[in-house]
């Protein structure tokens, strides 16, 4: 199998994340006998999206932006015609719950946000939210807009709801959404949002999650899938969000489900063995850095590859 995955970074920390991502993807390709092209480019801060950058991303199966804070990310998503952002904030199955809502009440939710006020973007956001709800058996909420978008949003929700089972969307007013995230965390699964509400709720939920560096964004509906790991609360990058993004990329963007499963198992093994980067370190765990985490993951994948070839 052949694939092209473009990797972009902006800062020195982003470069380290980029190198780690490249090594993990290259090791996966070797272990499973694939040819994966991994072109890398640094984007200068404030440069914006140039024709050169778009050409660089041309024909890619996926783009991995190694820093969610890159200045060009929103414009790049728009230029690639991405209409929806899916922010996956679930990580409690991998490490101890660090949510600010309490150790016994993890905020594990997926926020599906339309990126434009256009009807097609609203419809895609609604459809994607209901698909995730049905596939993963998660409850679903929808935060309706007011004004001109109200009717188009309700039509999109109604059409998507009619195709989904077993869950139906509960309507949740924006002023009530953040308080409910704090006091009724167990109620949340998927939250479908129009652009303005999604921007507010995505940032609020990321902060409440307690470990945004374990999480990632997927930009969907465009010319190719675009992924970006979130920065943690201290503003530094964490490789575990990147690794989770790569799992999703392999599974959904390039349709390598077996390989994605191998990486998911490797990630779980490393975390269960107690390895952590500084932002998620706890007294009973062992400290590693970006390079160390990638090396541990690559070792697991190499071992799995040797079993496959025997």
Protein backbone atom coordinates (compact mmCIF):
# COMPACT_ATOMS: atom_id res chain seq x y z
CA UNK A 1 0.00 0.00 0.00
CA UNK A 2 1.24 3.50 -0.84
CA UNK A 3 0.27 6.68 0.99
CA UNK A 4 1.40 10.29 1.29
CA UNK A 5 1.19 11.98 4.67
CA UNK A 6 2.40 15.58 4.87
CA UNK A 7 3.85 16.79 8.19
CA UNK A 8 3.95 20.49 9.07
CA UNK A 9 5.48 22.36 12.02
CA UNK A 10 6.28 25.92 13.05
CA UNK A 11 8.47 25.99 16.19
CA UNK A 12 11.37 23.93 17.55
CA UNK A 13 8.96 22.03 19.81
CA UNK A 14 6.78 21.39 16.79
CA UNK A 15 9.83 20.09 14.94
CA UNK A 16 10.41 17.55 17.71
CA UNK A 17 6.80 16.42 17.49
CA UNK A 18 7.14 16.25 13.71
CA UNK A 19 10.27 14.09 13.94
CA UNK A 20 8.55 11.79 16.44
CA UNK A 21 5.50 11.45 14.18
CA UNK A 22 7.72 10.71 11.18
CA UNK A 23 9.64 8.00 13.02
CA UNK A 24 6.44 6.30 14.25
CA UNK A 25 4.85 6.37 10.78
CA UNK A 26 8.06 5.14 9.14
CA UNK A 27 8.35 2.27 11.62
CA UNK A 28 4.71 1.34 10.99
CA UNK A 29 5.35 1.29 7.24
CA UNK A 30 8.38 -0.99 7.67
CA UNK A 31 6.60 -3.33 10.09
CA UNK A 32 3.62 -3.85 7.78
CA UNK A 33 5.34 -3.63 4.41
CA UNK A 34 3.88 -0.33 3.19
CA UNK A 35 5.41 2.60 1.34
CA UNK A 36 4.49 5.84 3.09
CA UNK A 37 5.86 9.13 1.80
CA UNK A 38 6.42 11.60 4.66
CA UNK A 39 7.33 15.05 3.29
CA UNK A 40 8.05 17.61 6.03
CA UNK A 41 7.83 21.40 5.89
CA UNK A 42 8.35 24.24 8.35
CA UNK A 43 5.80 27.03 8.15
CA UNK A 44 7.17 30.41 9.16
CA UNK A 45 5.12 32.16 11.86
CA UNK A 46 2.76 34.66 10.28
CA UNK A 47 3.49 33.42 6.78
CA UNK A 48 -0.06 32.38 6.04
CA UNK A 49 -1.00 29.78 3.47
CA UNK A 50 0.96 30.22 0.27
CA UNK A 51 0.45 28.56 -3.10
CA UNK A 52 3.73 26.76 -2.40
CA UNK A 53 2.32 25.27 0.79
CA UNK A 54 -0.87 24.15 -0.95
CA UNK A 55 1.19 22.55 -3.70
CA UNK A 56 3.27 20.83 -1.02
CA UNK A 57 0.08 19.35 0.43
CA UNK A 58 -1.21 18.37 -3.01
CA UNK A 59 -2.20 14.72 -3.51
CA UNK A 60 -1.74 14.01 0.21
CA UNK A 61 -3.90 11.34 1.79
CA UNK A 62 -3.68 13.29 5.04
CA UNK A 63 -1.92 16.29 6.59
CA UNK A 64 -0.60 16.18 10.15
CA UNK A 65 -0.09 19.64 11.62
CA UNK A 66 2.18 18.96 14.57
CA UNK A 67 1.11 22.05 16.52
CA UNK A 68 -2.54 23.09 16.93
CA UNK A 69 -1.36 26.63 17.69
CA UNK A 70 0.18 27.15 14.26
CA UNK A 71 -0.87 30.51 12.90
CA UNK A 72 -1.70 29.13 9.47
CA UNK A 73 -3.88 26.22 10.66
CA UNK A 74 -7.35 27.85 10.34
CA UNK A 75 -6.51 29.23 6.89
CA UNK A 76 -5.02 25.92 5.79
CA UNK A 77 -8.16 24.07 6.86
CA UNK A 78 -10.23 26.57 4.88
CA UNK A 79 -8.02 26.32 1.79
CA UNK A 80 -8.28 22.53 1.90
CA UNK A 81 -12.09 22.99 1.99
CA UNK A 82 -12.50 21.37 5.42
CA UNK A 83 -16.02 22.08 6.68
CA UNK A 84 -16.03 20.37 10.10
CA UNK A 85 -13.72 20.14 13.10
CA UNK A 86 -13.99 17.08 15.34
CA UNK A 87 -12.25 17.57 18.69
CA UNK A 88 -11.72 14.24 20.44
CA UNK A 89 -11.27 14.84 24.19
CA UNK A 90 -11.48 11.22 25.31
CA UNK A 91 -8.46 9.75 27.05
CA UNK A 92 -9.60 8.30 30.39
CA UNK A 93 -9.37 4.75 29.01
CA UNK A 94 -5.64 5.31 28.52
CA UNK A 95 -4.55 7.16 31.67
CA UNK A 96 -6.01 8.17 34.99
CA UNK A 97 -8.73 10.78 34.81
CA UNK A 98 -7.22 14.26 35.14
CA UNK A 99 -10.40 16.19 34.39
CA UNK A 100 -10.96 19.39 36.35
CA UNK A 101 -14.49 18.09 36.96
CA UNK A 102 -13.06 15.47 39.33
CA UNK A 103 -11.32 12.11 39.21
CA UNK A 104 -14.62 10.23 39.44
CA UNK A 105 -16.32 12.29 36.75
CA UNK A 106 -14.24 12.27 33.56
CA UNK A 107 -15.19 14.70 30.84
CA UNK A 108 -14.86 12.36 27.86
CA UNK A 109 -16.61 14.00 24.96
CA UNK A 110 -16.33 14.61 21.23
CA UNK A 111 -17.18 18.08 19.93
CA UNK A 112 -18.27 18.26 16.29
CA UNK A 113 -18.20 21.85 15.06
CA UNK A 114 -19.26 23.24 11.70
CA UNK A 115 -16.53 25.59 10.51
CA UNK A 116 -18.77 27.68 8.27
CA UNK A 117 -22.30 29.06 8.37
CA UNK A 118 -23.06 27.47 5.01
CA UNK A 119 -25.81 24.85 4.79
CA UNK A 120 -23.42 22.15 3.53
CA UNK A 121 -21.12 22.61 6.54
CA UNK A 122 -24.04 22.48 8.98
CA UNK A 123 -25.33 19.32 7.32
CA UNK A 124 -21.92 17.65 7.41
CA UNK A 125 -21.42 18.53 11.09
CA UNK A 126 -24.81 17.08 12.00
CA UNK A 127 -24.23 13.94 9.95
CA UNK A 128 -20.77 13.38 11.41
CA UNK A 129 -21.99 13.87 14.97
CA UNK A 130 -24.78 11.32 14.56
CA UNK A 131 -22.44 8.86 12.85
CA UNK A 132 -20.03 8.99 15.81
CA UNK A 133 -22.93 8.68 18.25
CA UNK A 134 -24.32 5.60 16.50
CA UNK A 135 -20.98 3.89 15.85
CA UNK A 136 -19.62 4.37 19.36
CA UNK A 137 -22.90 4.23 21.31
CA UNK A 138 -22.53 7.71 22.77
CA UNK A 139 -25.34 10.08 23.81
CA UNK A 140 -25.65 13.17 21.65
CA UNK A 141 -26.45 16.82 22.33
CA UNK A 142 -26.92 19.65 19.88
CA UNK A 143 -26.42 23.33 20.61
CA UNK A 144 -28.75 25.26 18.29
CA UNK A 145 -27.93 28.68 16.87
CA UNK A 146 -30.33 31.59 16.85
CA UNK A 147 -31.18 33.99 14.06
CA UNK A 148 -30.70 33.21 10.39
CA UNK A 149 -28.98 29.86 10.98
CA UNK A 150 -31.68 28.42 13.22
CA UNK A 151 -33.87 26.88 10.53
CA UNK A 152 -30.99 25.49 8.47
CA UNK A 153 -29.44 23.96 11.60
CA UNK A 154 -32.68 22.34 12.73
CA UNK A 155 -33.23 20.92 9.25
CA UNK A 156 -29.69 19.47 9.25
CA UNK A 157 -30.18 17.97 12.72
CA UNK A 158 -33.57 16.52 11.75
CA UNK A 159 -32.21 14.90 8.59
CA UNK A 160 -29.23 13.40 10.42
CA UNK A 161 -31.38 12.28 13.35
CA UNK A 162 -33.73 10.37 11.06
CA UNK A 163 -30.80 8.20 9.90
CA UNK A 164 -29.41 7.50 13.37
CA UNK A 165 -30.11 4.91 16.04
CA UNK A 166 -30.46 4.44 18.94
CA UNK A 167 -29.72 7.97 20.16
CA UNK A 168 -31.61 11.18 19.42
CA UNK A 169 -30.16 14.61 20.06
CA UNK A 170 -31.07 16.52 23.19
CA UNK A 171 -31.25 20.27 22.62
CA UNK A 172 -28.86 22.17 24.86
CA UNK A 173 -28.79 25.96 25.00
CA UNK A 174 -25.29 27.46 24.85
CA UNK A 175 -25.52 29.29 28.23
CA UNK A 176 -26.27 25.96 29.92
CA UNK A 177 -23.63 23.90 28.14
CA UNK A 178 -20.53 24.75 30.18
CA UNK A 179 -22.30 24.46 33.58
CA UNK A 180 -23.60 21.05 32.51
CA UNK A 181 -20.09 20.02 31.47
CA UNK A 182 -19.01 20.76 35.04
CA UNK A 183 -21.94 19.32 36.96
CA UNK A 184 -23.32 16.60 34.65
CA UNK A 185 -20.23 15.20 32.98
CA UNK A 186 -21.63 11.68 32.67
CA UNK A 187 -24.36 13.01 30.38
CA UNK A 188 -21.96 14.03 27.62
CA UNK A 189 -20.79 12.03 24.63
CA UNK A 190 -21.05 13.87 21.30
CA UNK A 191 -21.87 17.57 21.07
CA UNK A 192 -22.90 18.95 17.67
CA UNK A 193 -22.35 22.72 17.31
CA UNK A 194 -22.57 25.52 14.76
CA UNK A 195 -19.41 27.62 14.32
CA UNK A 196 -19.73 30.19 17.11
CA UNK A 197 -20.93 27.78 19.79
CA UNK A 198 -18.38 25.18 18.76
CA UNK A 199 -15.50 27.62 19.17
CA UNK A 200 -16.57 28.44 22.72
CA UNK A 201 -17.35 24.89 23.82
CA UNK A 202 -14.23 23.34 22.27
CA UNK A 203 -11.95 25.64 24.27
CA UNK A 204 -13.96 25.27 27.48
CA UNK A 205 -14.05 21.48 27.23
CA UNK A 206 -10.33 21.32 26.42
CA UNK A 207 -9.52 23.23 29.60
CA UNK A 208 -11.89 21.12 31.70
CA UNK A 209 -10.44 17.89 30.31
CA UNK A 210 -7.31 18.46 32.39
CA UNK A 211 -5.01 16.90 29.79
CA UNK A 212 -5.53 18.59 26.42
CA UNK A 213 -2.12 17.31 25.34
CA UNK A 214 -3.70 13.83 25.14
CA UNK A 215 -6.29 15.09 22.65
CA UNK A 216 -6.48 16.08 19.00
CA UNK A 217 -8.52 17.78 16.29
CA UNK A 218 -9.60 16.28 12.99
CA UNK A 219 -10.61 18.64 10.19
CA UNK A 220 -12.91 16.78 7.82
CA UNK A 221 -14.95 17.17 4.68
CA UNK A 222 -12.18 18.69 2.58
CA UNK A 223 -9.70 17.65 -0.09
CA UNK A 224 -7.85 15.51 2.45
CA UNK A 225 -8.07 14.81 6.16
CA UNK A 226 -6.19 17.25 8.42
CA UNK A 227 -5.11 16.38 11.97
CA UNK A 228 -3.60 18.47 14.77
CA UNK A 229 -2.69 17.40 18.33
CA UNK A 230 -3.68 19.93 20.98
CA UNK A 231 -1.21 21.75 23.18
CA UNK A 232 -1.43 21.09 26.90
CA UNK A 233 -2.38 23.71 29.46
CA UNK A 234 1.23 24.90 29.78
CA UNK A 235 1.33 25.63 26.06
CA UNK A 236 3.90 22.97 25.21
CA UNK A 237 3.37 20.05 22.87
CA UNK A 238 2.72 16.50 24.05
CA UNK A 239 3.46 13.50 21.82
CA UNK A 240 0.52 11.46 23.10
CA UNK A 241 -2.08 13.65 21.41
CA UNK A 242 -0.05 13.32 18.22
CA UNK A 243 0.05 9.53 18.57
CA UNK A 244 -3.70 9.36 19.08
CA UNK A 245 -4.17 11.56 16.00
CA UNK A 246 -1.97 9.19 13.97
CA UNK A 247 -4.07 6.21 15.12
CA UNK A 248 -7.17 7.96 13.80
CA UNK A 249 -5.36 9.03 10.62
CA UNK A 250 -4.25 5.47 9.84
CA UNK A 251 -7.68 4.02 10.52
CA UNK A 252 -9.86 6.55 8.74
CA UNK A 253 -7.74 8.57 6.28
CA UNK A 254 -5.65 5.78 4.77
CA UNK A 255 -7.84 2.79 5.76
CA UNK A 256 -5.11 0.84 7.57
CA UNK A 257 -7.21 -0.53 10.43
CA UNK A 258 -4.81 -3.30 11.43
CA UNK A 259 -1.92 -0.86 11.58
CA UNK A 260 -4.00 1.64 13.56
CA UNK A 261 -4.89 -1.13 16.01
CA UNK A 262 -1.20 -1.98 16.42
CA UNK A 263 -0.33 1.63 17.18
CA UNK A 264 -3.26 1.93 19.60
CA UNK A 265 -2.01 -1.17 21.44
CA UNK A 266 1.56 0.19 21.51
CA UNK A 267 0.33 3.53 22.88
CA UNK A 268 -1.73 1.78 25.55
CA UNK A 269 1.21 -0.46 26.53
CA UNK A 270 3.58 2.48 26.94
CA UNK A 271 1.09 4.43 29.03
CA UNK A 272 0.15 1.38 31.13
CA UNK A 273 3.87 0.84 31.80
CA UNK A 274 3.81 4.24 33.49
CA UNK A 275 5.64 6.42 30.97
CA UNK A 276 4.55 10.06 30.90
CA UNK A 277 5.70 13.39 29.55
CA UNK A 278 6.10 16.23 32.02
CA UNK A 279 2.62 17.74 31.71
CA UNK A 280 0.85 14.48 32.69
CA UNK A 281 3.47 13.19 35.13
CA UNK A 282 2.23 11.88 38.49
CA UNK A 283 4.16 10.53 41.50
CA UNK A 284 3.88 6.87 40.51
CA UNK A 285 4.93 7.32 36.85
CA UNK A 286 8.19 7.63 34.91
CA UNK A 287 9.27 10.72 33.01
CA UNK A 288 10.09 10.63 29.31
CA UNK A 289 10.32 13.27 26.60
CA UNK A 290 9.06 13.50 23.03
CA UNK A 291 11.95 11.52 21.58
CA UNK A 292 11.74 8.91 24.34
CA UNK A 293 8.02 8.38 23.84
CA UNK A 294 8.51 7.88 20.11
CA UNK A 295 11.34 5.42 20.72
CA UNK A 296 9.18 3.38 23.12
CA UNK A 297 6.31 3.29 20.62
CA UNK A 298 8.60 2.34 17.72
CA UNK A 299 10.02 -0.53 19.77
CA UNK A 300 6.52 -1.89 20.32
CA UNK A 301 5.65 -1.60 16.63
CA UNK A 302 8.92 -3.25 15.56
CA UNK A 303 8.17 -6.18 17.87
CA UNK A 304 4.67 -6.52 16.42
CA UNK A 305 6.13 -6.43 12.92
CA UNK A 306 8.56 -9.26 13.74
CA UNK A 307 5.65 -11.40 14.92
CA UNK A 308 3.74 -10.69 11.70
CA UNK A 309 6.68 -11.76 9.53
CA UNK A 310 7.31 -15.03 11.40
